[in-house]
C-alpha atoms as a PDB file:
ATOM      1  CA  MET A   1      12.278  97.224 -30.496  1.00  0.00           C
ATOM      2  CA  ASN A   2      10.933 100.593 -31.538  1.00  0.00           C
ATOM      3  CA  LEU A   3      13.730 102.916 -32.686  1.00  0.00           C
ATOM      4  CA  LEU A   4      11.705 106.011 -31.741  1.00  0.00           C
ATOM      5  CA  ILE A   5      11.483 104.840 -28.113  1.00  0.00           C
ATOM      6  CA  MET A   6      15.242 104.255 -27.999  1.00  0.00           C
ATOM      7  CA  ILE A   7      15.940 107.696 -29.481  1.00  0.00           C
ATOM      8  CA  SER A   8      13.677 109.331 -26.890  1.00  0.00           C
ATOM      9  CA  PHE A   9      15.656 107.738 -24.050  1.00  0.00           C
ATOM     10  CA  ILE A  10      18.971 108.687 -25.676  1.00  0.00           C
ATOM     11  CA  LEU A  11      17.750 112.293 -25.931  1.00  0.00           C
ATOM     12  CA  THR A  12      16.697 112.154 -22.276  1.00  0.00           C
ATOM     13  CA  GLY A  13      20.214 111.074 -21.305  1.00  0.00           C
ATOM     14  CA  LEU A  14      21.702 113.845 -23.446  1.00  0.00           C
ATOM     15  CA  LEU A  15      19.378 116.340 -21.739  1.00  0.00           C
ATOM     16  CA  PHE A  16      20.683 115.290 -18.318  1.00  0.00           C
ATOM     17  CA  VAL A  17      24.279 115.623 -19.536  1.00  0.00           C
ATOM     18  CA  GLY A  18      23.497 119.052 -21.010  1.00  0.00           C
ATOM     19  CA  ILE A  19      21.851 120.266 -17.797  1.00  0.00           C
ATOM     20  CA  SER A  20      24.882 119.108 -15.813  1.00  0.00           C
ATOM     21  CA  ILE A  21      27.490 121.102 -17.753  1.00  0.00           C
ATOM     22  CA  PRO A  22      26.765 124.588 -16.303  1.00  0.00           C
ATOM     23  CA  LEU A  23      26.719 123.064 -12.814  1.00  0.00           C
ATOM     24  CA  ILE A  24      30.072 121.348 -13.326  1.00  0.00           C
ATOM     25  CA  LEU A  25      31.555 124.593 -14.680  1.00  0.00           C
ATOM     26  CA  ARG A  26      30.217 126.519 -11.650  1.00  0.00           C
ATOM     27  CA  LYS A  27      28.255 128.898 -13.885  1.00  0.00           C
ATOM     28  CA  ILE A  28      25.006 128.764 -11.893  1.00  0.00           C
ATOM     29  CA  PRO A  29      24.841 131.135  -8.899  1.00  0.00           C
ATOM     30  CA  PRO A  30      22.753 130.258  -5.843  1.00  0.00           C
ATOM     31  CA  ASN A  31      19.064 130.371  -6.733  1.00  0.00           C
ATOM     32  CA  GLY A  32      15.787 128.675  -5.901  1.00  0.00           C
ATOM     33  CA  ILE A  33      15.187 127.021  -9.280  1.00  0.00           C
ATOM     34  CA  TYR A  34      18.251 125.332 -10.805  1.00  0.00           C
ATOM     35  CA  GLY A  35      20.876 123.404  -8.908  1.00  0.00           C
ATOM     36  CA  PHE A  36      21.281 121.233  -5.822  1.00  0.00           C
ATOM     37  CA  ARG A  37      19.002 123.265  -3.567  1.00  0.00           C
ATOM     38  CA  ILE A  38      19.033 122.345   0.094  1.00  0.00           C
ATOM     39  CA  HIS A  39      19.355 124.666   3.079  1.00  0.00           C
ATOM     40  CA  LYS A  40      23.095 124.077   3.442  1.00  0.00           C
ATOM     41  CA  THR A  41      23.886 124.936  -0.189  1.00  0.00           C
ATOM     42  CA  LEU A  42      21.593 127.964  -0.322  1.00  0.00           C
ATOM     43  CA  ALA A  43      23.080 129.362   2.910  1.00  0.00           C
ATOM     44  CA  ASN A  44      26.709 129.383   1.744  1.00  0.00           C
ATOM     45  CA  PRO A  45      27.894 130.295  -1.782  1.00  0.00           C
ATOM     46  CA  ASP A  46      31.147 128.350  -1.368  1.00  0.00           C
ATOM     47  CA  ILE A  47      29.235 125.182  -0.474  1.00  0.00           C
ATOM     48  CA  TRP A  48      26.749 125.929  -3.296  1.00  0.00           C
ATOM     49  CA  TYR A  49      29.448 125.853  -5.975  1.00  0.00           C
ATOM     50  CA  LYS A  50      31.237 122.798  -4.553  1.00  0.00           C
ATOM     51  CA  ALA A  51      27.999 120.856  -4.107  1.00  0.00           C
ATOM     52  CA  ASN A  52      26.644 121.748  -7.533  1.00  0.00           C
ATOM     53  CA  GLU A  53      29.883 120.872  -9.282  1.00  0.00           C
ATOM     54  CA  TYR A  54      29.809 117.479  -7.589  1.00  0.00           C
ATOM     55  CA  ALA A  55      26.076 116.939  -8.153  1.00  0.00           C
ATOM     56  CA  GLY A  56      26.530 118.033 -11.782  1.00  0.00           C
ATOM     57  CA  LYS A  57      29.124 115.305 -12.251  1.00  0.00           C
ATOM     58  CA  GLN A  58      26.701 112.777 -10.775  1.00  0.00           C
ATOM     59  CA  LEU A  59      24.004 114.049 -13.137  1.00  0.00           C
ATOM     60  CA  ALA A  60      26.361 113.663 -16.105  1.00  0.00           C
ATOM     61  CA  ILE A  61      27.116 110.099 -15.030  1.00  0.00           C
ATOM     62  CA  MET A  62      23.381 109.455 -14.745  1.00  0.00           C
ATOM     63  CA  GLY A  63      22.807 110.793 -18.263  1.00  0.00           C
ATOM     64  CA  SER A  64      25.641 108.661 -19.610  1.00  0.00           C
ATOM     65  CA  VAL A  65      24.245 105.542 -17.920  1.00  0.00           C
ATOM     66  CA  ILE A  66      20.842 106.253 -19.490  1.00  0.00           C
ATOM     67  CA  ILE A  67      22.409 106.622 -22.942  1.00  0.00           C
ATOM     68  CA  LEU A  68      24.506 103.465 -22.597  1.00  0.00           C
ATOM     69  CA  ALA A  69      21.600 101.437 -21.215  1.00  0.00           C
ATOM     70  CA  SER A  70      19.325 102.659 -23.982  1.00  0.00           C
ATOM     71  CA  VAL A  71      21.735 101.634 -26.711  1.00  0.00           C
ATOM     72  CA  GLY A  72      22.746  98.430 -24.939  1.00  0.00           C
ATOM     73  CA  LEU A  73      19.191  97.227 -24.389  1.00  0.00           C
ATOM     74  CA  GLY A  74      18.407  98.108 -27.984  1.00  0.00           C
ATOM     75  CA  LEU A  75      21.359  96.075 -29.247  1.00  0.00           C
ATOM     76  CA  LEU A  76      20.332  93.153 -27.049  1.00  0.00           C
ATOM     77  CA  GLY A  77      16.973  93.145 -28.782  1.00  0.00           C
ATOM     78  CA  VAL A  78      14.859  93.679 -25.690  1.00  0.00           C
ATOM     79  CA  PRO A  79      11.173  93.434 -26.666  1.00  0.00           C
ATOM     80  CA  THR A  80       9.285  96.696 -27.198  1.00  0.00           C
ATOM     81  CA  TYR A  81       6.950  96.058 -24.246  1.00  0.00           C
ATOM     82  CA  ALA A  82       9.864  95.538 -21.798  1.00  0.00           C
ATOM     83  CA  TYR A  83      12.234  98.236 -23.036  1.00  0.00           C
ATOM     84  CA  PRO A  84      10.502 101.304 -21.508  1.00  0.00           C
ATOM     85  CA  ILE A  85      10.014  99.510 -18.198  1.00  0.00           C
ATOM     86  CA  LEU A  86      13.688  98.578 -18.009  1.00  0.00           C
ATOM     87  CA  MET A  87      14.739 102.083 -19.017  1.00  0.00           C
ATOM     88  CA  LEU A  88      12.517 103.678 -16.370  1.00  0.00           C
ATOM     89  CA  LEU A  89      14.106 101.325 -13.849  1.00  0.00           C
ATOM     90  CA  VAL A  90      17.595 102.401 -15.006  1.00  0.00           C
ATOM     91  CA  MET A  91      16.590 106.075 -14.765  1.00  0.00           C
ATOM     92  CA  THR A  92      15.097 105.648 -11.290  1.00  0.00           C
ATOM     93  CA  ILE A  93      18.046 103.739  -9.863  1.00  0.00           C
ATOM     94  CA  SER A  94      20.664 106.052 -11.375  1.00  0.00           C
ATOM     95  CA  GLY A  95      18.708 109.149 -10.291  1.00  0.00           C
ATOM     96  CA  VAL A  96      18.289 107.976  -6.709  1.00  0.00           C
ATOM     97  CA  ALA A  97      21.958 106.993  -6.582  1.00  0.00           C
ATOM     98  CA  ALA A  98      23.018 110.426  -7.886  1.00  0.00           C
ATOM     99  CA  VAL A  99      20.950 112.210  -5.234  1.00  0.00           C
ATOM    100  CA  ILE A 100      22.149 109.997  -2.370  1.00  0.00           C
ATOM    101  CA  ILE A 101      25.818 110.265  -3.396  1.00  0.00           C
ATOM    102  CA  SER A 102      25.475 114.050  -3.729  1.00  0.00           C
ATOM    103  CA  LEU A 103      23.781 114.354  -0.320  1.00  0.00           C
ATOM    104  CA  ILE A 104      26.570 112.338   1.296  1.00  0.00           C
ATOM    105  CA  TYR A 105      29.115 114.672  -0.305  1.00  0.00           C
ATOM    106  CA  VAL A 106      27.275 117.828   0.803  1.00  0.00           C
ATOM    107  CA  ASN A 107      27.020 116.543   4.362  1.00  0.00           C
ATOM    108  CA  SER A 108      30.794 116.057   4.376  1.00  0.00           C
ATOM    109  CA  LEU A 109      31.399 119.744   3.564  1.00  0.00           C
END
């Protein structure tokens, strides 16, 4: 397994965790670039902050899953050719799950 590939996925997970922190702390005002941007959140600042705090937590979980999977697959000795494919699968599944869970939450507000 290539250590450089594993480090790149760990850094990707850390990036997702880092991006999530301002959202969780409610530091990002409504805008069209950064945050959970759907009509309902952009129309109401109260919903914006609640939704982005929740979505930020989901994003942090996603980043943590990516980091843990990256290290875990590396420790299991997954072959170099399979490692990126498995990691992209982990990223896709965790990303889709984060979006769906966040949408369900926003629709409940």
